[in-house]
Amino acid sequence: MTSARWFKPAALALAAVAVLLILVLVAKALRQQPAVQSFLIDFPGRSELPDSAPVGFPAWLSVQHFVNVFFIVLIIRAGWQVRSTSRPAAYWTRRNNGLIRTKGSPARISLHLWFHLSLGALWLVNGIIFVVLLFPTGQWMRIVPLNWDVFPNAISVALQYASLNWPTDNGWVNYNSLQLLAYFTTVFVAAPLAFITGVRMSGAWPRAAVTLNRFYPILLARAIHFPVMLYFVLFTITHVTLVLATGALRNLNHMYGGSDSENWIGFWIFAASLLVMVAAWVAARPLLLRPIASLTGTVSR
């Protein structure tokens, strides 16, 4: 029974390795072609930024980066528990005498769903602060496509990565085009989709809005919400892997140490942030969540 349970994951892992190996071989073969070599020269992988674009990362961006990752990790954990738990340990019912009041009785939801929605609300607030700060500080120019050549440059970077002859970048000054498109998609596409679909499935959505619900059915929201979660998982794994594989000390200093040097400051801050996330992951159990949830509602079995 145990071996049968692990057969499918093992087969999928082997298939993924085989696909990656084929991808590497194909990319290496393509790089031998004169036309592809000329393409890589014309589009080395970076789109030029305006002269007014900022260099480096301010302290608020480092703090935002940690807070965002912290919430994302716990949101994914809580979301998976909502999806996979058939018998929740506890339920939460909102008190109907606070800021949010409804004519009907509030719906009872699982404690996992309450945690997922609460984290989502905090993540949304953090995201709004992040986007608002992007524009007056000029940091938006680093993650928003400004020239058409960002797309062929992104293809160039993908080919370089796939062939294991990775591009030489300095994210302190300018992201490569594949990074830029990935960050733009995460901030301005995936995050809004997660919010819009999450709200549609939550108790905050007006159930009596017949016309609105017809144009935006809950089944559509569910069909989008889970793939968006998978996107965040894939993005996080890829992002962390490349950060560690393409100059860990320097990259971690960019994100956490506030400098372009290769010392251990950013690494130790990163290590401390991991400990905080692990502690939060372990602590996020019904024993701790019950008294917190009871501040805004009634917790029952």
Foldseek 3Di string as FASTA:
>chain_A
DVCVVCPVVVVVVVVVVVVLVVLLVVLQVVCVDPVLVVLCVVQVFADDFDPPADFFDDQVQLVLVLLLVLLLVLLLVLVVCLVPPPDAPKKWFFDQPDPHHDPDGGDIGGLSLVSNVVSLVVSVVSLVVVVVVCPVNNVVRQQDDDDPSLVSSLVSQVSCVSNVNHRDDQVSGHDGSVVSPLSCCVNPPLSVLLVVLSCQPDSVDDPPPVVVCVVPPNVVSVVRNVVSSVSVVVVVVVVVVCCCVNQVQQSLCRNHVRDRDRDCPSVVVVVVSVVVSVVCVVPPDCVVSQVVSVVRTDMGD
